[in-house]
Amino acid sequence: MTFPSNMPPLHLIPALSGVRSRRHLVNIRRAEDHVKAASELVKDAIRDEVKLLSEETEEQLRTKVMLIEQASDELSAYVRRHQRTRIFARVAVLNMYLGHFQRMLQKQEEAKAKAAQT
């Protein structure tokens, strides 16, 4: 088998040397860190007993939810392909938190609309 002249060195392509990918483990760890950060934002808002999140806090929460959602999509696809994976439960918990944060943001929008009407 001949390689093209512009082919990168084989040691830069781990899959060709038989090294298994650990991308899913990195993604789940990062997503769990985003969940932890989003939970802290929510806990701070609850502790301060605010009805509406500040614009800054809401934007930070939206960013975290977007990052969690991207990781969740990729990890869910991985779990569907590898059904006996050890991260199955962690992905399920991640999806649970994602749904919780999405509902919270939806309620935030409804509360803003209601406040704007009055």
N, C-alpha and C. Protein backbone atom coordinates (compact mmCIF):
# COMPACT_ATOMS: atom_id res chain seq x y z
N MET A 1 0.85 -1.17 0.00
CA MET A 1 0.00 0.00 0.00
C MET A 1 0.90 1.23 0.00
N THR A 2 0.66 2.12 -0.93
CA THR A 2 1.44 3.35 -1.01
C THR A 2 0.61 4.50 -0.47
N PHE A 3 1.28 5.36 0.25
CA PHE A 3 0.61 6.51 0.83
C PHE A 3 0.88 7.74 -0.03
N PRO A 4 -0.07 8.65 -0.10
CA PRO A 4 0.16 9.88 -0.86
C PRO A 4 1.30 10.69 -0.23
N SER A 5 1.90 11.54 -1.01
CA SER A 5 3.05 12.31 -0.53
C SER A 5 2.67 13.33 0.54
N ASN A 6 1.41 13.76 0.56
CA ASN A 6 0.99 14.76 1.55
C ASN A 6 0.38 14.12 2.80
N MET A 7 0.53 12.83 2.98
CA MET A 7 -0.01 12.11 4.14
C MET A 7 0.79 12.47 5.39
N PRO A 8 0.12 12.79 6.50
CA PRO A 8 0.85 13.10 7.73
C PRO A 8 1.50 11.83 8.28
N PRO A 9 2.47 11.98 9.16
CA PRO A 9 3.12 10.80 9.76
C PRO A 9 2.10 9.93 10.49
N LEU A 10 2.30 8.63 10.44
CA LEU A 10 1.34 7.70 11.02
C LEU A 10 1.19 7.86 12.53
N HIS A 11 2.23 8.30 13.23
CA HIS A 11 2.11 8.45 14.68
C HIS A 11 1.17 9.60 15.05
N LEU A 12 0.80 10.43 14.10
CA LEU A 12 -0.16 11.51 14.35
C LEU A 12 -1.60 11.06 14.13
N ILE A 13 -1.80 9.85 13.67
CA ILE A 13 -3.14 9.31 13.44
C ILE A 13 -3.29 8.07 14.31
N PRO A 14 -3.71 8.22 15.58
CA PRO A 14 -3.74 7.10 16.51
C PRO A 14 -4.59 5.92 16.05
N ALA A 15 -5.67 6.18 15.34
CA ALA A 15 -6.56 5.09 14.92
C ALA A 15 -5.84 4.11 13.99
N LEU A 16 -4.91 4.60 13.20
CA LEU A 16 -4.18 3.72 12.29
C LEU A 16 -3.23 2.79 13.02
N SER A 17 -2.79 3.20 14.19
CA SER A 17 -1.88 2.34 14.95
C SER A 17 -2.62 1.46 15.94
N GLY A 18 -3.95 1.49 15.92
CA GLY A 18 -4.74 0.62 16.78
C GLY A 18 -5.05 1.18 18.15
N VAL A 19 -4.78 2.44 18.39
CA VAL A 19 -5.08 3.06 19.68
C VAL A 19 -6.57 3.40 19.73
N ARG A 20 -7.24 2.94 20.79
CA ARG A 20 -8.67 3.21 20.92
C ARG A 20 -8.91 4.66 21.33
N SER A 21 -9.97 5.22 20.83
CA SER A 21 -10.31 6.61 21.11
C SER A 21 -10.84 6.75 22.54
N ARG A 22 -10.46 7.82 23.17
CA ARG A 22 -10.95 8.15 24.51
C ARG A 22 -11.77 9.44 24.49
N ARG A 23 -12.16 9.84 23.30
CA ARG A 23 -12.91 11.09 23.14
C ARG A 23 -14.17 11.10 23.99
N HIS A 24 -14.89 9.98 24.04
CA HIS A 24 -16.13 9.92 24.80
C HIS A 24 -15.88 10.16 26.29
N LEU A 25 -14.76 9.69 26.80
CA LEU A 25 -14.45 9.90 28.22
C LEU A 25 -14.11 11.36 28.49
N VAL A 26 -13.42 11.99 27.57
CA VAL A 26 -13.11 13.42 27.72
C VAL A 26 -14.40 14.23 27.64
N ASN A 27 -15.28 13.88 26.70
CA ASN A 27 -16.54 14.61 26.54
C ASN A 27 -17.42 14.48 27.78
N ILE A 28 -17.53 13.29 28.34
CA ILE A 28 -18.40 13.11 29.51
C ILE A 28 -17.84 13.89 30.70
N ARG A 29 -16.52 13.89 30.86
CA ARG A 29 -15.92 14.64 31.97
C ARG A 29 -16.17 16.14 31.82
N ARG A 30 -15.98 16.66 30.61
CA ARG A 30 -16.21 18.08 30.37
C ARG A 30 -17.68 18.43 30.56
N ALA A 31 -18.57 17.58 30.08
CA ALA A 31 -20.00 17.84 30.23
C ALA A 31 -20.40 17.83 31.70
N GLU A 32 -19.84 16.91 32.47
CA GLU A 32 -20.13 16.87 33.91
C GLU A 32 -19.62 18.13 34.60
N ASP A 33 -18.49 18.66 34.15
CA ASP A 33 -17.99 19.92 34.70
C ASP A 33 -18.94 21.08 34.36
N HIS A 34 -19.50 21.07 33.15
CA HIS A 34 -20.47 22.11 32.78
C HIS A 34 -21.74 21.98 33.61
N VAL A 35 -22.17 20.76 33.89
CA VAL A 35 -23.35 20.55 34.73
C VAL A 35 -23.08 21.09 36.13
N LYS A 36 -21.90 20.83 36.64
CA LYS A 36 -21.55 21.32 37.98
C LYS A 36 -21.56 22.85 38.01
N ALA A 37 -21.01 23.48 36.99
CA ALA A 37 -20.99 24.95 36.93
C ALA A 37 -22.40 25.51 36.80
N ALA A 38 -23.24 24.88 35.97
CA ALA A 38 -24.62 25.34 35.82
C ALA A 38 -25.39 25.16 37.12
N SER A 39 -25.14 24.08 37.82
CA SER A 39 -25.81 23.85 39.11
C SER A 39 -25.42 24.92 40.12
N GLU A 40 -24.17 25.33 40.10
CA GLU A 40 -23.72 26.40 41.00
C GLU A 40 -24.44 27.71 40.68
N LEU A 41 -24.61 28.02 39.40
CA LEU A 41 -25.34 29.23 39.01
C LEU A 41 -26.77 29.19 39.55
N VAL A 42 -27.40 28.04 39.41
CA VAL A 42 -28.79 27.89 39.86
C VAL A 42 -28.86 27.96 41.38
N LYS A 43 -27.93 27.31 42.06
CA LYS A 43 -27.92 27.33 43.53
C LYS A 43 -27.75 28.75 44.05
N ASP A 44 -26.88 29.53 43.41
CA ASP A 44 -26.69 30.92 43.83
C ASP A 44 -27.97 31.72 43.67
N ALA A 45 -28.69 31.49 42.56
CA ALA A 45 -29.94 32.21 42.33
C ALA A 45 -31.00 31.80 43.35
N ILE A 46 -31.06 30.53 43.67
CA ILE A 46 -32.04 30.05 44.65
C ILE A 46 -31.70 30.58 46.03
N ARG A 47 -30.42 30.58 46.38
CA ARG A 47 -29.99 31.07 47.69
C ARG A 47 -30.34 32.55 47.85
N ASP A 48 -30.22 33.32 46.77
CA ASP A 48 -30.53 34.75 46.83
C ASP A 48 -32.03 35.01 46.69
N GLU A 49 -32.82 33.96 46.49
CA GLU A 49 -34.28 34.03 46.39
C GLU A 49 -34.74 35.01 45.32
N VAL A 50 -34.18 34.89 44.14
CA VAL A 50 -34.60 35.75 43.03
C VAL A 50 -35.66 35.04 42.21
N LYS A 51 -36.63 35.82 41.72
CA LYS A 51 -37.68 35.26 40.87
C LYS A 51 -37.19 35.11 39.44
N LEU A 52 -36.41 36.11 38.98
CA LEU A 52 -35.85 36.07 37.63
C LEU A 52 -34.33 36.12 37.73
N LEU A 53 -33.68 35.36 36.87
CA LEU A 53 -32.22 35.39 36.82
C LEU A 53 -31.76 36.69 36.18
N SER A 54 -30.61 37.17 36.59
CA SER A 54 -30.05 38.36 35.94
C SER A 54 -29.68 37.98 34.51
N GLU A 55 -29.53 38.99 33.66
CA GLU A 55 -29.19 38.73 32.26
C GLU A 55 -27.86 37.99 32.15
N GLU A 56 -26.90 38.39 32.97
CA GLU A 56 -25.59 37.75 32.93
C GLU A 56 -25.67 36.28 33.33
N THR A 57 -26.39 36.02 34.43
CA THR A 57 -26.53 34.64 34.90
C THR A 57 -27.30 33.80 33.89
N GLU A 58 -28.34 34.38 33.31
CA GLU A 58 -29.12 33.65 32.31
C GLU A 58 -28.27 33.32 31.09
N GLU A 59 -27.45 34.26 30.65
CA GLU A 59 -26.59 34.02 29.49
C GLU A 59 -25.55 32.95 29.80
N GLN A 60 -24.98 32.99 31.00
CA GLN A 60 -24.03 31.95 31.39
C GLN A 60 -24.70 30.58 31.42
N LEU A 61 -25.93 30.53 31.94
CA LEU A 61 -26.67 29.27 32.00
C LEU A 61 -26.99 28.77 30.60
N ARG A 62 -27.39 29.68 29.71
CA ARG A 62 -27.67 29.28 28.32
C ARG A 62 -26.42 28.72 27.64
N THR A 63 -25.28 29.33 27.89
CA THR A 63 -24.03 28.84 27.31
C THR A 63 -23.71 27.44 27.83
N LYS A 64 -23.86 27.24 29.13
CA LYS A 64 -23.60 25.92 29.71
C LYS A 64 -24.56 24.88 29.15
N VAL A 65 -25.83 25.25 29.01
CA VAL A 65 -26.83 24.32 28.47
C VAL A 65 -26.48 23.97 27.03
N MET A 66 -26.04 24.94 26.26
CA MET A 66 -25.65 24.67 24.87
C MET A 66 -24.47 23.68 24.81
N LEU A 67 -23.48 23.88 25.67
CA LEU A 67 -22.32 22.99 25.70
C LEU A 67 -22.71 21.59 26.16
N ILE A 68 -23.59 21.52 27.16
CA ILE A 68 -24.06 20.22 27.65
C ILE A 68 -24.85 19.52 26.56
N GLU A 69 -25.67 20.27 25.83
CA GLU A 69 -26.49 19.69 24.77
C GLU A 69 -25.62 19.12 23.64
N GLN A 70 -24.58 19.85 23.27
CA GLN A 70 -23.67 19.35 22.23
C GLN A 70 -23.00 18.05 22.66
N ALA A 71 -22.52 18.04 23.90
CA ALA A 71 -21.87 16.83 24.41
C ALA A 71 -22.87 15.69 24.52
N SER A 72 -24.08 16.01 24.95
CA SER A 72 -25.12 14.98 25.11
C SER A 72 -25.45 14.33 23.78
N ASP A 73 -25.55 15.12 22.73
CA ASP A 73 -25.85 14.57 21.41
C ASP A 73 -24.75 13.59 20.97
N GLU A 74 -23.51 14.02 21.13
CA GLU A 74 -22.40 13.16 20.71
C GLU A 74 -22.30 11.90 21.57
N LEU A 75 -22.49 12.07 22.88
CA LEU A 75 -22.39 10.93 23.78
C LEU A 75 -23.56 9.96 23.60
N SER A 76 -24.75 10.49 23.32
CA SER A 76 -25.90 9.61 23.08
C SER A 76 -25.67 8.78 21.82
N ALA A 77 -25.09 9.38 20.81
CA ALA A 77 -24.77 8.63 19.59
C ALA A 77 -23.73 7.55 19.89
N TYR A 78 -22.76 7.88 20.72
CA TYR A 78 -21.74 6.89 21.09
C TYR A 78 -22.38 5.73 21.86
N VAL A 79 -23.27 6.05 22.80
CA VAL A 79 -23.92 5.01 23.60
C VAL A 79 -24.80 4.11 22.73
N ARG A 80 -25.44 4.68 21.72
CA ARG A 80 -26.25 3.85 20.81
C ARG A 80 -25.38 2.87 20.03
N ARG A 81 -24.18 3.29 19.67
CA ARG A 81 -23.27 2.41 18.93
C ARG A 81 -22.60 1.38 19.83
N HIS A 82 -22.35 1.76 21.08
CA HIS A 82 -21.65 0.88 22.04
C HIS A 82 -22.56 0.69 23.25
N GLN A 83 -23.50 -0.21 23.15
CA GLN A 83 -24.54 -0.33 24.17
C GLN A 83 -24.02 -0.89 25.50
N ARG A 84 -22.89 -1.53 25.50
CA ARG A 84 -22.36 -2.10 26.74
C ARG A 84 -21.28 -1.20 27.36
N THR A 85 -21.31 0.06 27.04
CA THR A 85 -20.29 0.98 27.53
C THR A 85 -20.49 1.28 29.02
N ARG A 86 -19.40 1.63 29.68
CA ARG A 86 -19.46 1.91 31.11
C ARG A 86 -20.02 3.30 31.41
N ILE A 87 -20.12 4.16 30.41
CA ILE A 87 -20.60 5.52 30.66
C ILE A 87 -22.10 5.66 30.42
N PHE A 88 -22.79 4.55 30.21
CA PHE A 88 -24.22 4.59 29.91
C PHE A 88 -25.00 5.36 30.98
N ALA A 89 -24.78 5.04 32.25
CA ALA A 89 -25.50 5.69 33.35
C ALA A 89 -25.11 7.16 33.46
N ARG A 90 -23.86 7.47 33.23
CA ARG A 90 -23.41 8.86 33.31
C ARG A 90 -24.07 9.71 32.23
N VAL A 91 -24.25 9.14 31.04
CA VAL A 91 -24.93 9.86 29.96
C VAL A 91 -26.40 10.06 30.30
N ALA A 92 -27.03 9.07 30.93
CA ALA A 92 -28.43 9.20 31.33
C ALA A 92 -28.59 10.32 32.36
N VAL A 93 -27.69 10.40 33.31
CA VAL A 93 -27.74 11.47 34.32
C VAL A 93 -27.50 12.82 33.65
N LEU A 94 -26.58 12.88 32.71
CA LEU A 94 -26.31 14.10 31.97
C LEU A 94 -27.57 14.58 31.24
N ASN A 95 -28.27 13.66 30.59
CA ASN A 95 -29.50 14.01 29.88
C ASN A 95 -30.59 14.47 30.84
N MET A 96 -30.63 13.88 32.04
CA MET A 96 -31.61 14.30 33.04
C MET A 96 -31.35 15.76 33.46
N TYR A 97 -30.10 16.08 33.75
CA TYR A 97 -29.76 17.46 34.11
C TYR A 97 -30.01 18.42 32.96
N LEU A 98 -29.73 17.99 31.75
CA LEU A 98 -29.97 18.83 30.58
C LEU A 98 -31.45 19.20 30.49
N GLY A 99 -32.33 18.21 30.65
CA GLY A 99 -33.76 18.48 30.63
C GLY A 99 -34.18 19.43 31.74
N HIS A 100 -33.58 19.26 32.91
CA HIS A 100 -33.89 20.14 34.05
C HIS A 100 -33.51 21.59 33.75
N PHE A 101 -32.32 21.79 33.22
CA PHE A 101 -31.86 23.14 32.90
C PHE A 101 -32.68 23.76 31.76
N GLN A 102 -33.05 22.96 30.78
CA GLN A 102 -33.87 23.47 29.68
C GLN A 102 -35.25 23.91 30.17
N ARG A 103 -35.85 23.11 31.06
CA ARG A 103 -37.15 23.51 31.63
C ARG A 103 -37.01 24.79 32.46
N MET A 104 -35.91 24.91 33.17
CA MET A 104 -35.68 26.10 33.97
C MET A 104 -35.59 27.35 33.08
N LEU A 105 -34.88 27.24 31.98
CA LEU A 105 -34.77 28.37 31.05
C LEU A 105 -36.11 28.68 30.40
N GLN A 106 -36.90 27.65 30.11
CA GLN A 106 -38.22 27.87 29.54
C GLN A 106 -39.12 28.61 30.53
N LYS A 107 -39.08 28.21 31.80
CA LYS A 107 -39.86 28.90 32.83
C LYS A 107 -39.38 30.34 32.99
N GLN A 108 -38.09 30.55 32.84
CA GLN A 108 -37.52 31.90 32.92
C GLN A 108 -38.12 32.78 31.82
N GLU A 109 -38.19 32.24 30.60
CA GLU A 109 -38.77 32.99 29.48
C GLU A 109 -40.25 33.29 29.73
N GLU A 110 -40.98 32.31 30.25
CA GLU A 110 -42.40 32.52 30.55
C GLU A 110 -42.57 33.59 31.62
N ALA A 111 -41.73 33.58 32.64
CA ALA A 111 -41.81 34.58 33.70
C ALA A 111 -41.47 35.97 33.16
N LYS A 112 -40.51 36.05 32.25
CA LYS A 112 -40.18 37.34 31.64
C LYS A 112 -41.35 37.87 30.83
N ALA A 113 -41.98 36.99 30.05
CA ALA A 113 -43.12 37.41 29.23
C ALA A 113 -44.27 37.86 30.12
N LYS A 114 -44.49 37.15 31.20
CA LYS A 114 -45.57 37.51 32.12
C LYS A 114 -45.28 38.85 32.79
N ALA A 115 -44.03 39.08 33.16
CA ALA A 115 -43.65 40.35 33.79
C ALA A 115 -43.76 41.50 32.80
N ALA A 116 -43.49 41.24 31.53
CA ALA A 116 -43.59 42.28 30.51
C ALA A 116 -45.04 42.66 30.24
N GLN A 117 -45.96 41.72 30.40
CA GLN A 117 -47.38 41.99 30.17
C GLN A 117 -47.98 42.86 31.26
N THR A 118 -47.47 42.74 32.47
CA THR A 118 -48.05 43.52 33.58
C THR A 118 -47.41 44.86 33.74
